[in-house]
Every structure is written in C-alpha cells, then in structure tokens.
C-alpha cells in the first residue's frame, strides 16, 4: 500500500507512504480526518471538547502528541469509541521506543 493517497484539506490529494508512516503521523492525520469528516472548524471542535483551538491545531499537525485525556475527549466528540486513545497510546509507545536524540553532529567535508 506504499505510496497511496488520501484526501487532504480543501479536497486535495496527499500522497502517503504507508510503509514509513509513524504512529504519531497516523494519530495526527486521523485527528484531522475526523474533524474534516465531522464538518467542524477548530473553533467549533474546541467548544465541544473544551480544548483551545491552537492546542488542537498542534495535535492535528503532529507538533504535539497531547494527553490521553484530550484523545478521550475527541473520541467522545467524534463517537469513535476508543480509537483515538488507542492511537495515542501507540504513538506514545513509539516515542518512548525511539526517542529523538537530536541531530547528528555536523562534520565539515574537505
């Protein structure tokens, strides 16, 4: 399934390499997909789940993982059972297994 595409914002197609997709990217894209499918703005979603729209935006962009409580609140809004909580746990476990150690040291070439 590598290299398939899904609908992105504004009806555009976004290419996704499923073979290399991280759990965090999957979680973030699922959050964005669910909001788009529900026809909600970030402001409307924030009012429903009682989280700031800027926080929700960072979750959807994958800039933050957020809390399991936020995932549970979003599951409730979207009626997805515990799907988002499960994806959150998967992303959290992946982050623990593969911590970001920083960039490799720069070595000048001759």
PDB file of N, CA and C in Angstrom:
ATOM      1  N   UNK A   1       0.812  -1.184   0.000  1.00  0.00           N
ATOM      2  CA  UNK A   1       0.000   0.000   0.000  1.00  0.00           C
ATOM      3  C   UNK A   1       0.865   1.261   0.000  1.00  0.00           C
ATOM      4  N   UNK A   2       2.161   1.107  -0.090  1.00  0.00           N
ATOM      5  CA  UNK A   2       3.061   2.255  -0.081  1.00  0.00           C
ATOM      6  C   UNK A   2       2.749   3.177  -1.237  1.00  0.00           C
ATOM      7  N   UNK A   3       2.767   4.488  -0.954  1.00  0.00           N
ATOM      8  CA  UNK A   3       2.594   5.463  -1.999  1.00  0.00           C
ATOM      9  C   UNK A   3       1.160   5.786  -2.348  1.00  0.00           C
ATOM     10  N   UNK A   4       0.166   5.309  -1.621  1.00  0.00           N
ATOM     11  CA  UNK A   4      -1.213   5.645  -1.921  1.00  0.00           C
ATOM     12  C   UNK A   4      -1.503   7.065  -1.455  1.00  0.00           C
ATOM     13  N   UNK A   5      -2.685   7.573  -1.758  1.00  0.00           N
ATOM     14  CA  UNK A   5      -3.006   8.938  -1.353  1.00  0.00           C
ATOM     15  C   UNK A   5      -4.350   8.982  -0.657  1.00  0.00           C
ATOM     16  N   UNK A   6      -4.525  10.021   0.145  1.00  0.00           N
ATOM     17  CA  UNK A   6      -5.780  10.265   0.826  1.00  0.00           C
ATOM     18  C   UNK A   6      -6.147  11.712   0.601  1.00  0.00           C
ATOM     19  N   UNK A   7      -7.402  12.058   0.870  1.00  0.00           N
ATOM     20  CA  UNK A   7      -7.834  13.438   0.720  1.00  0.00           C
ATOM     21  C   UNK A   7      -7.260  14.283   1.824  1.00  0.00           C
ATOM     22  N   UNK A   8      -6.705  15.406   1.451  1.00  0.00           N
ATOM     23  CA  UNK A   8      -6.185  16.367   2.414  1.00  0.00           C
ATOM     24  C   UNK A   8      -7.154  17.518   2.548  1.00  0.00           C
ATOM     25  N   UNK A   9      -6.729  18.596   3.137  1.00  0.00           N
ATOM     26  CA  UNK A   9      -7.570  19.766   3.293  1.00  0.00           C
ATOM     27  C   UNK A   9      -7.949  20.342   1.940  1.00  0.00           C
ATOM     28  N   UNK A  10      -9.087  20.966   1.839  1.00  0.00           N
ATOM     29  CA  UNK A  10      -9.588  21.614   0.631  1.00  0.00           C
ATOM     30  C   UNK A  10      -9.747  20.656  -0.541  1.00  0.00           C
ATOM     31  N   UNK A  11      -9.947  19.370  -0.255  1.00  0.00           N
ATOM     32  CA  UNK A  11     -10.190  18.395  -1.305  1.00  0.00           C
ATOM     33  C   UNK A  11      -8.956  17.971  -2.084  1.00  0.00           C
ATOM     34  N   UNK A  12      -7.782  18.375  -1.660  1.00  0.00           N
ATOM     35  CA  UNK A  12      -6.553  17.990  -2.349  1.00  0.00           C
ATOM     36  C   UNK A  12      -6.176  16.566  -1.974  1.00  0.00           C
ATOM     37  N   UNK A  13      -5.404  15.936  -2.830  1.00  0.00           N
ATOM     38  CA  UNK A  13      -4.908  14.592  -2.539  1.00  0.00           C
ATOM     39  C   UNK A  13      -3.510  14.704  -1.949  1.00  0.00           C
ATOM     40  N   UNK A  14      -3.278  13.964  -0.873  1.00  0.00           N
ATOM     41  CA  UNK A  14      -1.989  13.955  -0.204  1.00  0.00           C
ATOM     42  C   UNK A  14      -1.404  12.559  -0.324  1.00  0.00           C
ATOM     43  N   UNK A  15      -0.189  12.461  -0.859  1.00  0.00           N
ATOM     44  CA  UNK A  15       0.471  11.162  -1.001  1.00  0.00           C
ATOM     45  C   UNK A  15       0.981  10.702   0.358  1.00  0.00           C
ATOM     46  N   UNK A  16       0.705   9.463   0.688  1.00  0.00           N
ATOM     47  CA  UNK A  16       1.156   8.899   1.956  1.00  0.00           C
ATOM     48  C   UNK A  16       1.933   7.631   1.668  1.00  0.00           C
ATOM     49  N   UNK A  17       3.121   7.575   2.224  1.00  0.00           N
ATOM     50  CA  UNK A  17       3.932   6.365   2.117  1.00  0.00           C
ATOM     51  C   UNK A  17       3.648   5.550   3.381  1.00  0.00           C
ATOM     52  N   UNK A  18       2.688   4.652   3.301  1.00  0.00           N
ATOM     53  CA  UNK A  18       2.217   3.896   4.470  1.00  0.00           C
ATOM     54  C   UNK A  18       3.317   3.059   5.102  1.00  0.00           C
ATOM     55  N   UNK A  19       4.297   2.664   4.322  1.00  0.00           N
ATOM     56  CA  UNK A  19       5.374   1.841   4.853  1.00  0.00           C
ATOM     57  C   UNK A  19       6.209   2.604   5.884  1.00  0.00           C
ATOM     58  N   UNK A  20       6.320   3.921   5.731  1.00  0.00           N
ATOM     59  CA  UNK A  20       7.178   4.721   6.602  1.00  0.00           C
ATOM     60  C   UNK A  20       6.395   5.639   7.520  1.00  0.00           C
ATOM     61  N   UNK A  21       5.091   5.545   7.544  1.00  0.00           N
ATOM     62  CA  UNK A  21       4.250   6.405   8.376  1.00  0.00           C
ATOM     63  C   UNK A  21       4.457   6.076   9.850  1.00  0.00           C
ATOM     64  N   UNK A  22       4.763   7.092  10.652  1.00  0.00           N
ATOM     65  CA  UNK A  22       4.951   6.855  12.086  1.00  0.00           C
ATOM     66  C   UNK A  22       3.592   6.835  12.779  1.00  0.00           C
ATOM     67  N   UNK A  23       3.562   6.294  13.963  1.00  0.00           N
ATOM     68  CA  UNK A  23       2.324   6.255  14.746  1.00  0.00           C
ATOM     69  C   UNK A  23       1.852   7.673  15.060  1.00  0.00           C
ATOM     70  N   UNK A  24       2.784   8.575  15.305  1.00  0.00           N
ATOM     71  CA  UNK A  24       2.424   9.967  15.594  1.00  0.00           C
ATOM     72  C   UNK A  24       1.777  10.619  14.369  1.00  0.00           C
ATOM     73  N   UNK A  25       2.348  10.356  13.189  1.00  0.00           N
ATOM     74  CA  UNK A  25       1.765  10.894  11.956  1.00  0.00           C
ATOM     75  C   UNK A  25       0.382  10.313  11.701  1.00  0.00           C
ATOM     76  N   UNK A  26       0.230   9.034  11.974  1.00  0.00           N
ATOM     77  CA  UNK A  26      -1.077   8.393  11.809  1.00  0.00           C
ATOM     78  C   UNK A  26      -2.097   9.015  12.755  1.00  0.00           C
ATOM     79  N   UNK A  27      -1.718   9.207  14.007  1.00  0.00           N
ATOM     80  CA  UNK A  27      -2.602   9.827  15.001  1.00  0.00           C
ATOM     81  C   UNK A  27      -2.996  11.235  14.557  1.00  0.00           C
ATOM     82  N   UNK A  28      -2.022  12.028  14.151  1.00  0.00           N
ATOM     83  CA  UNK A  28      -2.294  13.404  13.729  1.00  0.00           C
ATOM     84  C   UNK A  28      -3.209  13.438  12.501  1.00  0.00           C
ATOM     85  N   UNK A  29      -2.943  12.587  11.525  1.00  0.00           N
ATOM     86  CA  UNK A  29      -3.768  12.587  10.322  1.00  0.00           C
ATOM     87  C   UNK A  29      -5.177  12.088  10.614  1.00  0.00           C
ATOM     88  N   UNK A  30      -5.314  11.163  11.543  1.00  0.00           N
ATOM     89  CA  UNK A  30      -6.645  10.678  11.925  1.00  0.00           C
ATOM     90  C   UNK A  30      -7.443  11.788  12.611  1.00  0.00           C
ATOM     91  N   UNK A  31      -6.771  12.570  13.460  1.00  0.00           N
ATOM     92  CA  UNK A  31      -7.442  13.694  14.115  1.00  0.00           C
ATOM     93  C   UNK A  31      -7.961  14.691  13.083  1.00  0.00           C
ATOM     94  N   UNK A  32      -7.115  15.045  12.115  1.00  0.00           N
ATOM     95  CA  UNK A  32      -7.513  15.998  11.077  1.00  0.00           C
ATOM     96  C   UNK A  32      -8.649  15.432  10.223  1.00  0.00           C
ATOM     97  N   UNK A  33      -8.544  14.150   9.878  1.00  0.00           N
ATOM     98  CA  UNK A  33      -9.581  13.494   9.078  1.00  0.00           C
ATOM     99  C   UNK A  33     -10.923  13.498   9.797  1.00  0.00           C
ATOM    100  N   UNK A  34     -10.909  13.142  11.081  1.00  0.00           N
ATOM    101  CA  UNK A  34     -12.164  13.084  11.844  1.00  0.00           C
ATOM    102  C   UNK A  34     -12.824  14.448  11.936  1.00  0.00           C
ATOM    103  N   UNK A  35     -12.032  15.499  12.140  1.00  0.00           N
ATOM    104  CA  UNK A  35     -12.614  16.842  12.233  1.00  0.00           C
ATOM    105  C   UNK A  35     -13.188  17.256  10.886  1.00  0.00           C
ATOM    106  N   UNK A  36     -12.436  16.993   9.814  1.00  0.00           N
ATOM    107  CA  UNK A  36     -12.917  17.339   8.476  1.00  0.00           C
ATOM    108  C   UNK A  36     -14.206  16.585   8.158  1.00  0.00           C
ATOM    109  N   UNK A  37     -14.232  15.314   8.489  1.00  0.00           N
ATOM    110  CA  UNK A  37     -15.411  14.484   8.229  1.00  0.00           C
ATOM    111  C   UNK A  37     -16.630  14.967   9.018  1.00  0.00           C
ATOM    112  N   UNK A  38     -16.381  15.475  10.244  1.00  0.00           N
ATOM    113  CA  UNK A  38     -17.478  15.990  11.069  1.00  0.00           C
ATOM    114  C   UNK A  38     -17.922  17.380  10.628  1.00  0.00           C
ATOM    115  N   UNK A  39     -17.146  18.006   9.740  1.00  0.00           N
ATOM    116  CA  UNK A  39     -17.505  19.329   9.245  1.00  0.00           C
ATOM    117  C   UNK A  39     -17.338  20.422  10.289  1.00  0.00           C
ATOM    118  N   UNK A  40     -16.366  20.252  11.180  1.00  0.00           N
ATOM    119  CA  UNK A  40     -16.156  21.207  12.260  1.00  0.00           C
ATOM    120  C   UNK A  40     -14.928  22.065  12.003  1.00  0.00           C
ATOM    121  N   UNK A  41     -14.987  23.318  12.418  1.00  0.00           N
ATOM    122  CA  UNK A  41     -13.800  24.159  12.442  1.00  0.00           C
ATOM    123  C   UNK A  41     -13.060  23.846  13.744  1.00  0.00           C
ATOM    124  N   UNK A  42     -11.824  24.292  13.836  1.00  0.00           N
ATOM    125  CA  UNK A  42     -11.087  24.107  15.088  1.00  0.00           C
ATOM    126  C   UNK A  42     -11.777  24.828  16.237  1.00  0.00           C
ATOM    127  N   UNK A  43     -12.366  25.986  15.952  1.00  0.00           N
ATOM    128  CA  UNK A  43     -13.069  26.734  16.988  1.00  0.00           C
ATOM    129  C   UNK A  43     -14.298  25.957  17.479  1.00  0.00           C
ATOM    130  N   UNK A  44     -15.059  25.390  16.555  1.00  0.00           N
ATOM    131  CA  UNK A  44     -16.232  24.597  16.927  1.00  0.00           C
ATOM    132  C   UNK A  44     -15.833  23.346  17.701  1.00  0.00           C
ATOM    133  N   UNK A  45     -14.770  22.691  17.252  1.00  0.00           N
ATOM    134  CA  UNK A  45     -14.292  21.500  17.947  1.00  0.00           C
ATOM    135  C   UNK A  45     -13.839  21.852  19.353  1.00  0.00           C
ATOM    136  N   UNK A  46     -13.113  22.956  19.485  1.00  0.00           N
ATOM    137  CA  UNK A  46     -12.646  23.405  20.795  1.00  0.00           C
ATOM    138  C   UNK A  46     -13.801  23.628  21.762  1.00  0.00           C
ATOM    139  N   UNK A  47     -14.886  24.181  21.266  1.00  0.00           N
ATOM    140  CA  UNK A  47     -16.066  24.412  22.115  1.00  0.00           C
ATOM    141  C   UNK A  47     -16.696  23.093  22.556  1.00  0.00           C
ATOM    142  N   UNK A  48     -16.650  22.094  21.692  1.00  0.00           N
ATOM    143  CA  UNK A  48     -17.258  20.798  22.023  1.00  0.00           C
ATOM    144  C   UNK A  48     -16.420  19.976  23.002  1.00  0.00           C
ATOM    145  N   UNK A  49     -15.098  20.065  22.880  1.00  0.00           N
ATOM    146  CA  UNK A  49     -14.245  19.212  23.722  1.00  0.00           C
ATOM    147  C   UNK A  49     -13.524  19.994  24.821  1.00  0.00           C
ATOM    148  N   UNK A  50     -13.720  21.322  24.847  1.00  0.00           N
ATOM    149  CA  UNK A  50     -13.159  22.203  25.877  1.00  0.00           C
ATOM    150  C   UNK A  50     -11.628  22.269  25.856  1.00  0.00           C
ATOM    151  N   UNK A  51     -11.065  22.267  24.646  1.00  0.00           N
ATOM    152  CA  UNK A  51      -9.634  22.478  24.461  1.00  0.00           C
ATOM    153  C   UNK A  51      -9.450  23.680  23.539  1.00  0.00           C
ATOM    154  N   UNK A  52      -8.342  24.388  23.712  1.00  0.00           N
ATOM    155  CA  UNK A  52      -8.024  25.547  22.879  1.00  0.00           C
ATOM    156  C   UNK A  52      -7.823  25.121  21.432  1.00  0.00           C
ATOM    157  N   UNK A  53      -8.272  25.962  20.501  1.00  0.00           N
ATOM    158  CA  UNK A  53      -8.114  25.615  19.091  1.00  0.00           C
ATOM    159  C   UNK A  53      -6.646  25.545  18.688  1.00  0.00           C
ATOM    160  N   UNK A  54      -5.782  26.351  19.300  1.00  0.00           N
ATOM    161  CA  UNK A  54      -4.355  26.295  18.961  1.00  0.00           C
ATOM    162  C   UNK A  54      -3.746  24.952  19.395  1.00  0.00           C
ATOM    163  N   UNK A  55      -4.193  24.427  20.533  1.00  0.00           N
ATOM    164  CA  UNK A  55      -3.735  23.122  21.019  1.00  0.00           C
ATOM    165  C   UNK A  55      -4.186  22.034  20.050  1.00  0.00           C
ATOM    166  N   UNK A  56      -5.447  22.073  19.640  1.00  0.00           N
ATOM    167  CA  UNK A  56      -5.988  21.085  18.708  1.00  0.00           C
ATOM    168  C   UNK A  56      -5.265  21.150  17.365  1.00  0.00           C
ATOM    169  N   UNK A  57      -4.955  22.365  16.937  1.00  0.00           N
ATOM    170  CA  UNK A  57      -4.230  22.540  15.676  1.00  0.00           C
ATOM    171  C   UNK A  57      -2.855  21.867  15.754  1.00  0.00           C
ATOM    172  N   UNK A  58      -2.159  22.035  16.869  1.00  0.00           N
ATOM    173  CA  UNK A  58      -0.839  21.410  17.035  1.00  0.00           C
ATOM    174  C   UNK A  58      -0.953  19.885  17.061  1.00  0.00           C
ATOM    175  N   UNK A  59      -2.031  19.369  17.618  1.00  0.00           N
ATOM    176  CA  UNK A  59      -2.245  17.918  17.609  1.00  0.00           C
ATOM    177  C   UNK A  59      -2.423  17.421  16.174  1.00  0.00           C
ATOM    178  N   UNK A  60      -3.256  18.117  15.413  1.00  0.00           N
ATOM    179  CA  UNK A  60      -3.525  17.713  14.028  1.00  0.00           C
ATOM    180  C   UNK A  60      -2.303  17.842  13.133  1.00  0.00           C
ATOM    181  N   UNK A  61      -1.417  18.755  13.430  1.00  0.00           N
ATOM    182  CA  UNK A  61      -0.195  18.943  12.636  1.00  0.00           C
ATOM    183  C   UNK A  61       0.925  18.010  13.088  1.00  0.00           C
ATOM    184  N   UNK A  62       0.710  17.287  14.196  1.00  0.00           N
ATOM    185  CA  UNK A  62       1.726  16.389  14.712  1.00  0.00           C
ATOM    186  C   UNK A  62       2.825  17.111  15.473  1.00  0.00           C
ATOM    187  N   UNK A  63       2.605  18.377  15.799  1.00  0.00           N
ATOM    188  CA  UNK A  63       3.597  19.151  16.535  1.00  0.00           C
ATOM    189  C   UNK A  63       3.598  18.807  18.014  1.00  0.00           C
ATOM    190  N   UNK A  64       2.479  18.291  18.494  1.00  0.00           N
ATOM    191  CA  UNK A  64       2.363  17.826  19.876  1.00  0.00           C
ATOM    192  C   UNK A  64       1.604  16.518  19.870  1.00  0.00           C
ATOM    193  N   UNK A  65       1.888  15.690  20.843  1.00  0.00           N
ATOM    194  CA  UNK A  65       1.140  14.448  20.993  1.00  0.00           C
ATOM    195  C   UNK A  65      -0.081  14.693  21.868  1.00  0.00           C
ATOM    196  N   UNK A  66       0.044  15.623  22.810  1.00  0.00           N
ATOM    197  CA  UNK A  66      -1.069  15.931  23.697  1.00  0.00           C
ATOM    198  C   UNK A  66      -1.201  14.903  24.802  1.00  0.00           C
ATOM    199  N   UNK A  67      -2.356  14.885  25.414  1.00  0.00           N
ATOM    200  CA  UNK A  67      -2.611  13.989  26.539  1.00  0.00           C
ATOM    201  C   UNK A  67      -3.624  12.917  26.151  1.00  0.00           C
ATOM    202  N   UNK A  68      -3.623  11.847  26.911  1.00  0.00           N
ATOM    203  CA  UNK A  68      -4.606  10.796  26.688  1.00  0.00           C
ATOM    204  C   UNK A  68      -6.009  11.317  26.990  1.00  0.00           C
ATOM    205  N   UNK A  69      -6.111  12.279  27.898  1.00  0.00           N
ATOM    206  CA  UNK A  69      -7.415  12.876  28.212  1.00  0.00           C
ATOM    207  C   UNK A  69      -7.970  13.635  26.998  1.00  0.00           C
ATOM    208  N   UNK A  70      -7.089  14.305  26.265  1.00  0.00           N
ATOM    209  CA  UNK A  70      -7.529  15.007  25.053  1.00  0.00           C
ATOM    210  C   UNK A  70      -8.004  13.994  24.008  1.00  0.00           C
ATOM    211  N   UNK A  71      -7.271  12.904  23.864  1.00  0.00           N
ATOM    212  CA  UNK A  71      -7.674  11.857  22.915  1.00  0.00           C
ATOM    213  C   UNK A  71      -9.043  11.290  23.293  1.00  0.00           C
ATOM    214  N   UNK A  72      -9.271  11.073  24.583  1.00  0.00           N
ATOM    215  CA  UNK A  72     -10.565  10.544  25.047  1.00  0.00           C
ATOM    216  C   UNK A  72     -11.685  11.542  24.789  1.00  0.00           C
ATOM    217  N   UNK A  73     -11.414  12.825  25.008  1.00  0.00           N
ATOM    218  CA  UNK A  73     -12.424  13.857  24.754  1.00  0.00           C
ATOM    219  C   UNK A  73     -12.782  13.901  23.269  1.00  0.00           C
ATOM    220  N   UNK A  74     -11.785  13.750  22.411  1.00  0.00           N
ATOM    221  CA  UNK A  74     -12.038  13.757  20.971  1.00  0.00           C
ATOM    222  C   UNK A  74     -12.767  12.495  20.530  1.00  0.00           C
ATOM    223  N   UNK A  75     -12.433  11.353  21.120  1.00  0.00           N
ATOM    224  CA  UNK A  75     -13.197  10.126  20.849  1.00  0.00           C
ATOM    225  C   UNK A  75     -14.674  10.341  21.155  1.00  0.00           C
ATOM    226  N   UNK A  76     -14.946  11.018  22.247  1.00  0.00           N
ATOM    227  CA  UNK A  76     -16.334  11.266  22.656  1.00  0.00           C
ATOM    228  C   UNK A  76     -17.047  12.179  21.656  1.00  0.00           C
ATOM    229  N   UNK A  77     -16.377  13.239  21.236  1.00  0.00           N
ATOM    230  CA  UNK A  77     -16.967  14.169  20.264  1.00  0.00           C
ATOM    231  C   UNK A  77     -17.254  13.463  18.943  1.00  0.00           C
ATOM    232  N   UNK A  78     -16.298  12.677  18.470  1.00  0.00           N
ATOM    233  CA  UNK A  78     -16.440  12.030  17.168  1.00  0.00           C
ATOM    234  C   UNK A  78     -17.197  10.711  17.209  1.00  0.00           C
ATOM    235  N   UNK A  79     -17.453  10.181  18.403  1.00  0.00           N
ATOM    236  CA  UNK A  79     -18.157   8.901  18.506  1.00  0.00           C
ATOM    237  C   UNK A  79     -17.322   7.751  17.964  1.00  0.00           C
ATOM    238  N   UNK A  80     -16.017   7.784  18.224  1.00  0.00           N
ATOM    239  CA  UNK A  80     -15.107   6.771  17.675  1.00  0.00           C
ATOM    240  C   UNK A  80     -14.720   5.707  18.703  1.00  0.00           C
ATOM    241  N   UNK A  81     -15.516   5.563  19.745  1.00  0.00           N
ATOM    242  CA  UNK A  81     -15.195   4.563  20.764  1.00  0.00           C
ATOM    243  C   UNK A  81     -13.913   4.947  21.466  1.00  0.00           C
ATOM    244  N   UNK A  82     -12.897   4.079  21.381  1.00  0.00           N
ATOM    245  CA  UNK A  82     -11.603   4.414  21.969  1.00  0.00           C
ATOM    246  C   UNK A  82     -10.488   4.371  20.917  1.00  0.00           C
ATOM    247  N   UNK A  83     -10.854   4.580  19.667  1.00  0.00           N
ATOM    248  CA  UNK A  83      -9.893   4.559  18.572  1.00  0.00           C
ATOM    249  C   UNK A  83      -8.756   5.556  18.783  1.00  0.00           C
ATOM    250  N   UNK A  84      -9.093   6.806  19.095  1.00  0.00           N
ATOM    251  CA  UNK A  84      -8.063   7.830  19.230  1.00  0.00           C
ATOM    252  C   UNK A  84      -7.194   7.595  20.457  1.00  0.00           C
ATOM    253  N   UNK A  85      -7.789   7.073  21.516  1.00  0.00           N
ATOM    254  CA  UNK A  85      -6.998   6.731  22.706  1.00  0.00           C
ATOM    255  C   UNK A  85      -6.003   5.624  22.360  1.00  0.00           C
ATOM    256  N   UNK A  86      -6.428   4.632  21.606  1.00  0.00           N
ATOM    257  CA  UNK A  86      -5.526   3.550  21.205  1.00  0.00           C
ATOM    258  C   UNK A  86      -4.398   4.071  20.317  1.00  0.00           C
ATOM    259  N   UNK A  87      -4.732   4.952  19.360  1.00  0.00           N
ATOM    260  CA  UNK A  87      -3.704   5.527  18.509  1.00  0.00           C
ATOM    261  C   UNK A  87      -2.743   6.393  19.322  1.00  0.00           C
ATOM    262  N   UNK A  88      -3.271   7.119  20.311  1.00  0.00           N
ATOM    263  CA  UNK A  88      -2.422   7.935  21.186  1.00  0.00           C
ATOM    264  C   UNK A  88      -1.415   7.052  21.927  1.00  0.00           C
ATOM    265  N   UNK A  89      -1.904   5.935  22.496  1.00  0.00           N
ATOM    266  CA  UNK A  89      -1.009   5.023  23.212  1.00  0.00           C
ATOM    267  C   UNK A  89       0.065   4.445  22.280  1.00  0.00           C
ATOM    268  N   UNK A  90      -0.318   4.119  21.068  1.00  0.00           N
ATOM    269  CA  UNK A  90       0.635   3.611  20.091  1.00  0.00           C
ATOM    270  C   UNK A  90       1.709   4.660  19.792  1.00  0.00           C
ATOM    271  N   UNK A  91       1.288   5.906  19.590  1.00  0.00           N
ATOM    272  CA  UNK A  91       2.237   6.992  19.315  1.00  0.00           C
ATOM    273  C   UNK A  91       3.127   7.261  20.530  1.00  0.00           C
ATOM    274  N   UNK A  92       2.555   7.196  21.709  1.00  0.00           N
ATOM    275  CA  UNK A  92       3.327   7.425  22.934  1.00  0.00           C
ATOM    276  C   UNK A  92       4.387   6.327  23.104  1.00  0.00           C
ATOM    277  N   UNK A  93       3.993   5.080  22.863  1.00  0.00           N
ATOM    278  CA  UNK A  93       4.938   3.966  22.971  1.00  0.00           C
ATOM    279  C   UNK A  93       6.055   4.108  21.943  1.00  0.00           C
ATOM    280  N   UNK A  94       5.700   4.490  20.726  1.00  0.00           N
ATOM    281  CA  UNK A  94       6.703   4.688  19.692  1.00  0.00           C
ATOM    282  C   UNK A  94       7.691   5.782  20.106  1.00  0.00           C
ATOM    283  N   UNK A  95       7.181   6.851  20.706  1.00  0.00           N
ATOM    284  CA  UNK A  95       8.052   7.948  21.146  1.00  0.00           C
ATOM    285  C   UNK A  95       9.021   7.475  22.226  1.00  0.00           C
ATOM    286  N   UNK A  96       8.570   6.588  23.095  1.00  0.00           N
ATOM    287  CA  UNK A  96       9.450   6.048  24.142  1.00  0.00           C
ATOM    288  C   UNK A  96      10.479   5.098  23.559  1.00  0.00           C
ATOM    289  N   UNK A  97      10.080   4.304  22.554  1.00  0.00           N
ATOM    290  CA  UNK A  97      10.988   3.342  21.931  1.00  0.00           C
ATOM    291  C   UNK A  97      12.041   4.014  21.061  1.00  0.00           C
ATOM    292  N   UNK A  98      11.663   5.144  20.461  1.00  0.00           N
ATOM    293  CA  UNK A  98      12.558   5.839  19.541  1.00  0.00           C
ATOM    294  C   UNK A  98      12.658   7.305  19.939  1.00  0.00           C
ATOM    295  N   UNK A  99      13.282   7.593  21.065  1.00  0.00           N
ATOM    296  CA  UNK A  99      13.369   8.994  21.478  1.00  0.00           C
ATOM    297  C   UNK A  99      14.206   9.817  20.504  1.00  0.00           C
ATOM    298  N   UNK A 100      13.843  11.070  20.348  1.00  0.00           N
ATOM    299  CA  UNK A 100      14.593  11.975  19.484  1.00  0.00           C
ATOM    300  C   UNK A 100      15.861  12.377  20.211  1.00  0.00           C
ATOM    301  N   UNK A 101      16.989  12.039  19.679  1.00  0.00           N
ATOM    302  CA  UNK A 101      18.270  12.298  20.325  1.00  0.00           C
ATOM    303  C   UNK A 101      18.953  13.548  19.788  1.00  0.00           C
ATOM    304  N   UNK A 102      18.278  14.264  18.949  1.00  0.00           N
ATOM    305  CA  UNK A 102      18.860  15.459  18.352  1.00  0.00           C
ATOM    306  C   UNK A 102      19.456  15.142  16.995  1.00  0.00           C
ATOM    307  N   UNK A 103      19.946  16.165  16.358  1.00  0.00           N
ATOM    308  CA  UNK A 103      20.538  15.998  15.041  1.00  0.00           C
ATOM    309  C   UNK A 103      21.953  15.465  15.166  1.00  0.00           C
ATOM    310  N   UNK A 104      22.391  14.776  14.157  1.00  0.00           N
ATOM    311  CA  UNK A 104      23.758  14.270  14.125  1.00  0.00           C
ATOM    312  C   UNK A 104      24.710  15.470  14.106  1.00  0.00           C
ATOM    313  N   UNK A 105      25.850  15.337  14.740  1.00  0.00           N
ATOM    314  CA  UNK A 105      26.809  16.445  14.744  1.00  0.00           C
ATOM    315  C   UNK A 105      27.264  16.781  13.325  1.00  0.00           C
ATOM    316  N   UNK A 106      27.458  18.041  13.084  1.00  0.00           N
ATOM    317  CA  UNK A 106      27.891  18.496  11.763  1.00  0.00           C
ATOM    318  C   UNK A 106      29.373  18.211  11.600  1.00  0.00           C
ATOM    319  N   UNK A 107      29.708  17.629  10.483  1.00  0.00           N
ATOM    320  CA  UNK A 107      31.112  17.349  10.175  1.00  0.00           C
ATOM    321  C   UNK A 107      31.426  17.998   8.825  1.00  0.00           C
ATOM    322  N   UNK A 108      32.360  18.923   8.833  1.00  0.00           N
ATOM    323  CA  UNK A 108      32.694  19.577   7.550  1.00  0.00           C
ATOM    324  C   UNK A 108      33.328  18.592   6.580  1.00  0.00           C
ATOM    325  N   UNK A 109      33.040  18.773   5.317  1.00  0.00           N
ATOM    326  CA  UNK A 109      33.664  17.948   4.286  1.00  0.00           C
ATOM    327  C   UNK A 109      34.867  18.703   3.728  1.00  0.00           C
ATOM    328  N   UNK A 110      35.848  17.966   3.269  1.00  0.00           N
ATOM    329  CA  UNK A 110      37.072  18.615   2.734  1.00  0.00           C
ATOM    330  C   UNK A 110      36.987  18.824   1.278  1.00  0.00           C
TER     331      UNK A 110
END
